[in-house]
Amino acid sequence: MSDDVEARLDRLEARVAELEGRGKPPHAAPSGGTVTYQGDVHLYGDVEWSIGYSPDAILELSVARTAEVLAALGHPVRLRIVRALLRGPANASNLQEAVELGSTGQVYHHLKALSSAGVVEQHARGEFRISARKVVPLLVSMLAAADISGEVASPPVRANV
């Protein structure tokens, strides 16, 4: 089964489980609320994106696929490749120069991990890109990681515990 089909199946199963109330321990109350993110981005194209999910549905998403994406983005060289590709498509030679690697072989090694995780795709012969649908989620992931690390100032959190 292709990664795209598997990811779609995982999302559908999570939605069905949420609708049927499965996937939660019997003592867990529904969490309620919605987690949303959106963006209107003008890098190498114009992209508008908005999505919202219930916290329960998010907690039921595929751990394996999520971990694969986070692991791919967790390598400093791969993150620099993603940052370069968010500015526009590039071939391995351009990426080698942009991220200051010794060989295109090293670039292909990292592109393989990013491609397997569904982050990067090969657009034309030898050219790699990030699909428009993934631009905002990737930028949000980078912003969220910076927020978690304390690199960006976060707004105050209101918590009723």
N, C-alpha and C. Protein backbone atom coordinates (compact mmCIF):
# COMPACT_ATOMS: atom_id res chain seq x y z
N MET A 1 0.86 -1.17 0.00
CA MET A 1 0.00 0.00 0.00
C MET A 1 0.90 1.23 0.00
N SER A 2 0.57 2.21 -0.80
CA SER A 2 1.40 3.41 -0.87
C SER A 2 1.26 4.20 0.42
N ASP A 3 2.28 5.03 0.71
CA ASP A 3 2.27 5.84 1.93
C ASP A 3 1.08 6.78 1.96
N ASP A 4 0.72 7.36 0.78
CA ASP A 4 -0.39 8.29 0.72
C ASP A 4 -1.70 7.59 1.05
N VAL A 5 -1.92 6.41 0.50
CA VAL A 5 -3.14 5.65 0.76
C VAL A 5 -3.18 5.23 2.22
N GLU A 6 -2.03 4.80 2.75
CA GLU A 6 -1.97 4.39 4.15
C GLU A 6 -2.28 5.57 5.08
N ALA A 7 -1.75 6.74 4.78
CA ALA A 7 -2.00 7.93 5.59
C ALA A 7 -3.49 8.30 5.53
N ARG A 8 -4.08 8.23 4.35
CA ARG A 8 -5.50 8.54 4.21
C ARG A 8 -6.35 7.54 4.99
N LEU A 9 -5.98 6.27 4.94
CA LEU A 9 -6.70 5.24 5.68
C LEU A 9 -6.58 5.49 7.18
N ASP A 10 -5.39 5.84 7.66
CA ASP A 10 -5.20 6.15 9.08
C ASP A 10 -6.11 7.30 9.51
N ARG A 11 -6.19 8.36 8.68
CA ARG A 11 -7.04 9.51 9.01
C ARG A 11 -8.52 9.11 9.04
N LEU A 12 -8.94 8.30 8.07
CA LEU A 12 -10.33 7.86 8.05
C LEU A 12 -10.67 7.00 9.26
N GLU A 13 -9.75 6.09 9.62
CA GLU A 13 -9.97 5.26 10.80
C GLU A 13 -10.07 6.10 12.06
N ALA A 14 -9.23 7.13 12.16
CA ALA A 14 -9.28 8.02 13.33
C ALA A 14 -10.61 8.75 13.38
N ARG A 15 -11.10 9.20 12.24
CA ARG A 15 -12.39 9.90 12.21
C ARG A 15 -13.54 8.97 12.60
N VAL A 16 -13.53 7.75 12.08
CA VAL A 16 -14.57 6.78 12.43
C VAL A 16 -14.52 6.48 13.93
N ALA A 17 -13.31 6.27 14.45
CA ALA A 17 -13.16 6.00 15.88
C ALA A 17 -13.69 7.16 16.71
N GLU A 18 -13.43 8.39 16.27
CA GLU A 18 -13.93 9.56 17.00
C GLU A 18 -15.45 9.59 16.97
N LEU A 19 -16.03 9.34 15.81
CA LEU A 19 -17.49 9.36 15.69
C LEU A 19 -18.15 8.27 16.53
N GLU A 20 -17.50 7.10 16.62
CA GLU A 20 -18.05 5.99 17.38
C GLU A 20 -17.66 6.05 18.85
N GLY A 21 -16.80 7.00 19.21
CA GLY A 21 -16.39 7.13 20.60
C GLY A 21 -15.37 6.09 21.03
N ARG A 22 -14.75 5.40 20.05
CA ARG A 22 -13.73 4.41 20.37
C ARG A 22 -12.38 5.08 20.52
N GLY A 23 -11.43 4.32 21.01
CA GLY A 23 -10.06 4.80 21.06
C GLY A 23 -9.74 5.54 22.35
N LYS A 24 -10.74 5.71 23.22
CA LYS A 24 -10.49 6.38 24.49
C LYS A 24 -10.75 5.38 25.61
N PRO A 25 -10.00 5.48 26.67
CA PRO A 25 -10.31 4.63 27.83
C PRO A 25 -11.73 4.94 28.31
N PRO A 26 -12.41 3.96 28.88
CA PRO A 26 -13.80 4.18 29.30
C PRO A 26 -13.95 5.32 30.30
N HIS A 27 -12.92 5.59 31.09
CA HIS A 27 -13.01 6.64 32.10
C HIS A 27 -12.71 8.03 31.55
N ALA A 28 -12.26 8.10 30.31
CA ALA A 28 -11.88 9.40 29.74
C ALA A 28 -13.10 10.12 29.21
N ALA A 29 -13.29 11.34 29.66
CA ALA A 29 -14.39 12.16 29.16
C ALA A 29 -13.96 12.79 27.85
N PRO A 30 -14.90 13.06 26.96
CA PRO A 30 -14.53 13.76 25.72
C PRO A 30 -13.86 15.09 26.08
N SER A 31 -12.82 15.40 25.35
CA SER A 31 -12.06 16.60 25.69
C SER A 31 -12.73 17.87 25.19
N GLY A 32 -13.45 17.78 24.10
CA GLY A 32 -14.10 18.96 23.55
C GLY A 32 -13.08 19.94 22.99
N GLY A 33 -13.59 20.96 22.36
CA GLY A 33 -12.72 21.98 21.80
C GLY A 33 -12.21 21.61 20.43
N THR A 34 -11.40 22.50 19.89
CA THR A 34 -10.84 22.31 18.56
C THR A 34 -9.43 22.88 18.54
N VAL A 35 -8.55 22.18 17.88
CA VAL A 35 -7.21 22.69 17.62
C VAL A 35 -7.19 23.07 16.15
N THR A 36 -6.84 24.32 15.87
CA THR A 36 -6.84 24.80 14.49
C THR A 36 -5.52 25.48 14.16
N TYR A 37 -5.23 25.50 12.89
CA TYR A 37 -4.16 26.35 12.39
C TYR A 37 -4.50 26.74 10.97
N GLN A 38 -3.96 27.87 10.58
CA GLN A 38 -4.25 28.38 9.24
C GLN A 38 -3.10 29.25 8.79
N GLY A 39 -3.09 29.55 7.52
CA GLY A 39 -2.06 30.43 7.00
C GLY A 39 -2.44 30.97 5.63
N ASP A 40 -1.89 32.11 5.33
CA ASP A 40 -2.02 32.75 4.03
C ASP A 40 -0.59 33.13 3.67
N VAL A 41 0.06 32.30 2.86
CA VAL A 41 1.51 32.38 2.65
C VAL A 41 1.83 32.73 1.21
N HIS A 42 2.81 33.59 1.03
CA HIS A 42 3.25 34.01 -0.30
C HIS A 42 4.77 33.83 -0.38
N LEU A 43 5.20 32.61 -0.62
CA LEU A 43 6.64 32.33 -0.78
C LEU A 43 6.90 32.19 -2.27
N TYR A 44 6.92 30.97 -2.79
CA TYR A 44 7.09 30.81 -4.23
C TYR A 44 5.75 30.61 -4.93
N GLY A 45 4.69 30.80 -4.20
CA GLY A 45 3.33 30.72 -4.72
C GLY A 45 2.40 31.19 -3.62
N ASP A 46 1.15 31.36 -3.93
CA ASP A 46 0.18 31.80 -2.95
C ASP A 46 -0.55 30.58 -2.40
N VAL A 47 -0.54 30.44 -1.08
CA VAL A 47 -1.16 29.29 -0.44
C VAL A 47 -2.03 29.78 0.71
N GLU A 48 -3.27 29.33 0.73
CA GLU A 48 -4.15 29.55 1.87
C GLU A 48 -4.53 28.18 2.41
N TRP A 49 -4.49 28.05 3.73
CA TRP A 49 -4.75 26.74 4.33
C TRP A 49 -5.38 26.94 5.69
N SER A 50 -6.35 26.12 6.02
CA SER A 50 -6.98 26.15 7.33
C SER A 50 -7.46 24.75 7.66
N ILE A 51 -7.24 24.33 8.89
CA ILE A 51 -7.69 23.01 9.31
C ILE A 51 -8.01 23.07 10.80
N GLY A 52 -8.98 22.29 11.20
CA GLY A 52 -9.33 22.17 12.61
C GLY A 52 -9.66 20.73 12.94
N TYR A 53 -9.20 20.27 14.08
CA TYR A 53 -9.44 18.90 14.53
C TYR A 53 -9.78 18.92 16.00
N SER A 54 -10.55 17.97 16.44
CA SER A 54 -10.80 17.84 17.87
C SER A 54 -9.55 17.26 18.52
N PRO A 55 -9.27 17.61 19.76
CA PRO A 55 -8.12 17.04 20.45
C PRO A 55 -8.17 15.51 20.49
N ASP A 56 -9.37 14.94 20.69
CA ASP A 56 -9.48 13.48 20.72
C ASP A 56 -9.07 12.86 19.39
N ALA A 57 -9.49 13.47 18.27
CA ALA A 57 -9.14 12.94 16.95
C ALA A 57 -7.63 13.05 16.73
N ILE A 58 -7.03 14.13 17.18
CA ILE A 58 -5.58 14.29 17.03
C ILE A 58 -4.84 13.20 17.79
N LEU A 59 -5.30 12.91 18.99
CA LEU A 59 -4.64 11.87 19.80
C LEU A 59 -4.82 10.47 19.24
N GLU A 60 -5.73 10.31 18.29
CA GLU A 60 -5.95 9.01 17.66
C GLU A 60 -5.26 8.88 16.30
N LEU A 61 -4.59 9.93 15.83
CA LEU A 61 -3.88 9.85 14.55
C LEU A 61 -2.72 8.86 14.65
N SER A 62 -2.29 8.36 13.53
CA SER A 62 -1.24 7.36 13.47
C SER A 62 0.05 7.84 14.13
N VAL A 63 0.45 7.14 15.18
CA VAL A 63 1.70 7.47 15.87
C VAL A 63 2.88 7.21 14.94
N ALA A 64 2.84 6.13 14.19
CA ALA A 64 3.97 5.78 13.31
C ALA A 64 4.21 6.84 12.24
N ARG A 65 3.15 7.29 11.58
CA ARG A 65 3.31 8.30 10.52
C ARG A 65 3.73 9.64 11.11
N THR A 66 3.14 10.00 12.24
CA THR A 66 3.51 11.26 12.88
C THR A 66 4.98 11.24 13.30
N ALA A 67 5.41 10.14 13.89
CA ALA A 67 6.81 10.01 14.32
C ALA A 67 7.75 10.05 13.13
N GLU A 68 7.35 9.46 12.01
CA GLU A 68 8.19 9.48 10.81
C GLU A 68 8.41 10.91 10.30
N VAL A 69 7.33 11.69 10.29
CA VAL A 69 7.45 13.08 9.84
C VAL A 69 8.30 13.88 10.83
N LEU A 70 8.04 13.73 12.12
CA LEU A 70 8.82 14.47 13.11
C LEU A 70 10.29 14.08 13.08
N ALA A 71 10.57 12.79 12.87
CA ALA A 71 11.97 12.34 12.79
C ALA A 71 12.65 12.92 11.55
N ALA A 72 11.94 12.94 10.44
CA ALA A 72 12.52 13.51 9.21
C ALA A 72 12.82 14.99 9.39
N LEU A 73 11.92 15.70 10.04
CA LEU A 73 12.12 17.14 10.26
C LEU A 73 13.10 17.42 11.39
N GLY A 74 13.37 16.41 12.22
CA GLY A 74 14.22 16.60 13.38
C GLY A 74 15.71 16.64 13.11
N HIS A 75 16.12 16.35 11.90
CA HIS A 75 17.54 16.39 11.55
C HIS A 75 17.87 17.79 11.03
N PRO A 76 18.92 18.43 11.56
CA PRO A 76 19.23 19.81 11.15
C PRO A 76 19.42 19.99 9.65
N VAL A 77 20.08 19.05 8.98
CA VAL A 77 20.28 19.18 7.53
C VAL A 77 18.95 19.08 6.81
N ARG A 78 18.10 18.17 7.23
CA ARG A 78 16.80 18.01 6.58
C ARG A 78 15.94 19.25 6.79
N LEU A 79 16.01 19.82 7.97
CA LEU A 79 15.24 21.03 8.22
C LEU A 79 15.74 22.18 7.35
N ARG A 80 17.05 22.26 7.13
CA ARG A 80 17.59 23.30 6.23
C ARG A 80 17.14 23.04 4.79
N ILE A 81 17.07 21.77 4.38
CA ILE A 81 16.58 21.43 3.04
C ILE A 81 15.12 21.89 2.91
N VAL A 82 14.31 21.60 3.91
CA VAL A 82 12.91 22.01 3.88
C VAL A 82 12.80 23.52 3.81
N ARG A 83 13.59 24.22 4.59
CA ARG A 83 13.57 25.69 4.55
C ARG A 83 13.93 26.20 3.15
N ALA A 84 14.91 25.59 2.53
CA ALA A 84 15.29 26.00 1.16
C ALA A 84 14.15 25.72 0.18
N LEU A 85 13.52 24.55 0.31
CA LEU A 85 12.45 24.18 -0.63
C LEU A 85 11.17 24.98 -0.38
N LEU A 86 10.99 25.52 0.82
CA LEU A 86 9.83 26.38 1.06
C LEU A 86 9.94 27.69 0.28
N ARG A 87 11.15 28.02 -0.15
CA ARG A 87 11.35 29.22 -0.97
C ARG A 87 11.19 28.93 -2.46
N GLY A 88 11.17 27.63 -2.82
CA GLY A 88 10.96 27.26 -4.21
C GLY A 88 11.63 25.94 -4.54
N PRO A 89 11.18 25.29 -5.63
CA PRO A 89 11.76 24.02 -6.05
C PRO A 89 13.26 24.16 -6.33
N ALA A 90 13.97 23.06 -6.16
CA ALA A 90 15.42 23.07 -6.39
C ALA A 90 15.88 21.66 -6.74
N ASN A 91 17.01 21.59 -7.44
CA ASN A 91 17.60 20.28 -7.72
C ASN A 91 18.64 19.98 -6.65
N ALA A 92 19.23 18.79 -6.70
CA ALA A 92 20.17 18.36 -5.67
C ALA A 92 21.40 19.27 -5.60
N SER A 93 21.87 19.74 -6.73
CA SER A 93 23.04 20.63 -6.74
C SER A 93 22.74 21.95 -6.05
N ASN A 94 21.56 22.51 -6.33
CA ASN A 94 21.15 23.75 -5.66
C ASN A 94 21.03 23.54 -4.16
N LEU A 95 20.46 22.40 -3.77
CA LEU A 95 20.29 22.11 -2.34
C LEU A 95 21.63 21.86 -1.67
N GLN A 96 22.54 21.20 -2.38
CA GLN A 96 23.88 20.96 -1.84
C GLN A 96 24.55 22.28 -1.48
N GLU A 97 24.43 23.24 -2.38
CA GLU A 97 25.01 24.56 -2.15
C GLU A 97 24.27 25.30 -1.03
N ALA A 98 22.94 25.24 -1.05
CA ALA A 98 22.14 25.97 -0.07
C ALA A 98 22.37 25.50 1.36
N VAL A 99 22.56 24.19 1.53
CA VAL A 99 22.73 23.65 2.89
C VAL A 99 24.18 23.29 3.20
N GLU A 100 25.07 23.63 2.26
CA GLU A 100 26.51 23.47 2.45
C GLU A 100 26.92 22.04 2.78
N LEU A 101 26.50 21.10 1.92
CA LEU A 101 26.92 19.71 2.06
C LEU A 101 28.05 19.42 1.10
N GLY A 102 28.82 18.37 1.40
CA GLY A 102 29.99 18.04 0.59
C GLY A 102 29.67 17.40 -0.74
N SER A 103 28.53 16.71 -0.85
CA SER A 103 28.20 16.03 -2.10
C SER A 103 26.70 15.95 -2.29
N THR A 104 26.31 15.75 -3.55
CA THR A 104 24.87 15.57 -3.82
C THR A 104 24.40 14.24 -3.26
N GLY A 105 25.31 13.28 -3.10
CA GLY A 105 24.94 12.01 -2.48
C GLY A 105 24.37 12.20 -1.08
N GLN A 106 24.97 13.12 -0.34
CA GLN A 106 24.46 13.43 1.00
C GLN A 106 23.08 14.07 0.91
N VAL A 107 22.89 14.92 -0.08
CA VAL A 107 21.58 15.55 -0.27
C VAL A 107 20.53 14.48 -0.57
N TYR A 108 20.84 13.56 -1.48
CA TYR A 108 19.88 12.51 -1.83
C TYR A 108 19.54 11.63 -0.62
N HIS A 109 20.52 11.39 0.24
CA HIS A 109 20.28 10.60 1.45
C HIS A 109 19.19 11.28 2.29
N HIS A 110 19.31 12.59 2.48
CA HIS A 110 18.33 13.32 3.29
C HIS A 110 17.01 13.48 2.55
N LEU A 111 17.06 13.67 1.24
CA LEU A 111 15.82 13.78 0.46
C LEU A 111 15.02 12.49 0.52
N LYS A 112 15.71 11.36 0.58
CA LYS A 112 15.01 10.06 0.66
C LYS A 112 14.18 9.99 1.94
N ALA A 113 14.76 10.41 3.06
CA ALA A 113 14.02 10.40 4.33
C ALA A 113 12.84 11.37 4.28
N LEU A 114 13.07 12.55 3.72
CA LEU A 114 11.99 13.54 3.61
C LEU A 114 10.89 13.07 2.66
N SER A 115 11.28 12.42 1.58
CA SER A 115 10.29 11.89 0.62
C SER A 115 9.49 10.75 1.24
N SER A 116 10.17 9.85 1.95
CA SER A 116 9.48 8.73 2.60
C SER A 116 8.45 9.22 3.61
N ALA A 117 8.75 10.32 4.27
CA ALA A 117 7.83 10.89 5.26
C ALA A 117 6.72 11.71 4.61
N GLY A 118 6.79 11.90 3.29
CA GLY A 118 5.76 12.66 2.58
C GLY A 118 5.95 14.16 2.67
N VAL A 119 7.12 14.61 3.08
CA VAL A 119 7.37 16.04 3.23
C VAL A 119 7.76 16.66 1.89
N VAL A 120 8.61 15.97 1.14
CA VAL A 120 9.16 16.47 -0.12
C VAL A 120 8.74 15.54 -1.24
N GLU A 121 8.54 16.11 -2.43
CA GLU A 121 8.23 15.28 -3.59
C GLU A 121 9.12 15.69 -4.75
N GLN A 122 9.34 14.73 -5.64
CA GLN A 122 10.11 15.03 -6.84
C GLN A 122 9.12 15.55 -7.87
N HIS A 123 9.35 16.78 -8.31
CA HIS A 123 8.40 17.46 -9.19
C HIS A 123 8.72 17.19 -10.66
N ALA A 124 9.85 17.58 -11.09
CA ALA A 124 10.29 17.34 -12.46
C ALA A 124 11.58 16.54 -12.37
N ARG A 125 12.09 16.15 -13.49
CA ARG A 125 13.30 15.34 -13.47
C ARG A 125 14.41 16.06 -12.71
N GLY A 126 14.76 15.51 -11.56
CA GLY A 126 15.84 16.06 -10.76
C GLY A 126 15.46 17.27 -9.92
N GLU A 127 14.20 17.69 -9.95
CA GLU A 127 13.79 18.86 -9.17
C GLU A 127 12.87 18.42 -8.04
N PHE A 128 13.13 18.95 -6.86
CA PHE A 128 12.35 18.60 -5.68
C PHE A 128 11.57 19.81 -5.22
N ARG A 129 10.43 19.56 -4.57
CA ARG A 129 9.60 20.65 -4.09
C ARG A 129 8.76 20.18 -2.91
N ILE A 130 8.11 21.14 -2.31
CA ILE A 130 7.12 20.88 -1.27
C ILE A 130 5.78 21.25 -1.87
N SER A 131 4.83 20.31 -1.82
CA SER A 131 3.52 20.60 -2.42
C SER A 131 2.84 21.74 -1.67
N ALA A 132 2.02 22.47 -2.39
CA ALA A 132 1.33 23.63 -1.82
C ALA A 132 0.54 23.25 -0.58
N ARG A 133 -0.05 22.07 -0.58
CA ARG A 133 -0.88 21.64 0.55
C ARG A 133 -0.07 21.43 1.82
N LYS A 134 1.25 21.31 1.71
CA LYS A 134 2.08 21.05 2.89
C LYS A 134 2.86 22.28 3.36
N VAL A 135 2.76 23.38 2.64
CA VAL A 135 3.53 24.58 2.99
C VAL A 135 3.14 25.10 4.37
N VAL A 136 1.86 25.37 4.59
CA VAL A 136 1.42 25.91 5.88
C VAL A 136 1.63 24.90 7.01
N PRO A 137 1.26 23.62 6.86
CA PRO A 137 1.54 22.69 7.95
C PRO A 137 3.03 22.62 8.33
N LEU A 138 3.91 22.70 7.33
CA LEU A 138 5.34 22.67 7.66
C LEU A 138 5.76 23.94 8.39
N LEU A 139 5.30 25.09 7.93
CA LEU A 139 5.62 26.34 8.62
C LEU A 139 5.06 26.34 10.04
N VAL A 140 3.86 25.82 10.22
CA VAL A 140 3.26 25.74 11.56
C VAL A 140 4.07 24.78 12.43
N SER A 141 4.52 23.67 11.87
CA SER A 141 5.34 22.71 12.63
C SER A 141 6.64 23.37 13.10
N MET A 142 7.26 24.14 12.21
CA MET A 142 8.49 24.82 12.56
C MET A 142 8.22 25.88 13.64
N LEU A 143 7.13 26.61 13.50
CA LEU A 143 6.78 27.63 14.48
C LEU A 143 6.44 26.97 15.83
N ALA A 144 5.70 25.87 15.80
CA ALA A 144 5.34 25.18 17.04
C ALA A 144 6.59 24.67 17.76
N ALA A 145 7.54 24.12 16.99
CA ALA A 145 8.79 23.64 17.61
C ALA A 145 9.55 24.80 18.24
N ALA A 146 9.59 25.94 17.55
CA ALA A 146 10.27 27.11 18.10
C ALA A 146 9.55 27.62 19.34
N ASP A 147 8.23 27.54 19.34
CA ASP A 147 7.43 27.95 20.50
C ASP A 147 7.72 27.03 21.68
N ILE A 148 7.72 25.74 21.44
CA ILE A 148 7.99 24.77 22.50
C ILE A 148 9.38 24.98 23.09
N SER A 149 10.34 25.30 22.23
CA SER A 149 11.72 25.49 22.69
C SER A 149 11.93 26.82 23.40
N GLY A 150 10.95 27.71 23.32
CA GLY A 150 11.07 29.01 23.94
C GLY A 150 11.72 30.06 23.06
N GLU A 151 11.92 29.72 21.79
CA GLU A 151 12.57 30.65 20.86
C GLU A 151 11.67 31.82 20.47
N VAL A 152 10.37 31.60 20.47
CA VAL A 152 9.44 32.69 20.15
C VAL A 152 8.58 33.00 21.37
N ALA A 153 8.18 34.23 21.47
CA ALA A 153 7.33 34.64 22.59
C ALA A 153 5.92 34.14 22.32
N SER A 154 5.39 33.38 23.23
CA SER A 154 4.03 32.85 23.08
C SER A 154 3.05 33.75 23.82
N PRO A 155 1.82 33.79 23.33
CA PRO A 155 0.80 34.55 24.07
C PRO A 155 0.52 33.82 25.38
N PRO A 156 -0.02 34.54 26.35
CA PRO A 156 -0.34 33.88 27.62
C PRO A 156 -1.37 32.78 27.41
N VAL A 157 -1.26 31.72 28.18
CA VAL A 157 -2.19 30.59 28.08
C VAL A 157 -3.17 30.70 29.24
N ARG A 158 -4.44 30.55 28.90
CA ARG A 158 -5.49 30.54 29.91
C ARG A 158 -5.83 29.08 30.15
N ALA A 159 -5.64 28.62 31.36
CA ALA A 159 -5.93 27.21 31.68
C ALA A 159 -6.86 27.13 32.86
N ASN A 160 -7.90 26.34 32.69
CA ASN A 160 -8.83 26.06 33.78
C ASN A 160 -8.59 24.61 34.22
N VAL A 161 -7.74 24.45 35.19
CA VAL A 161 -7.40 23.09 35.64
C VAL A 161 -8.02 22.82 36.97
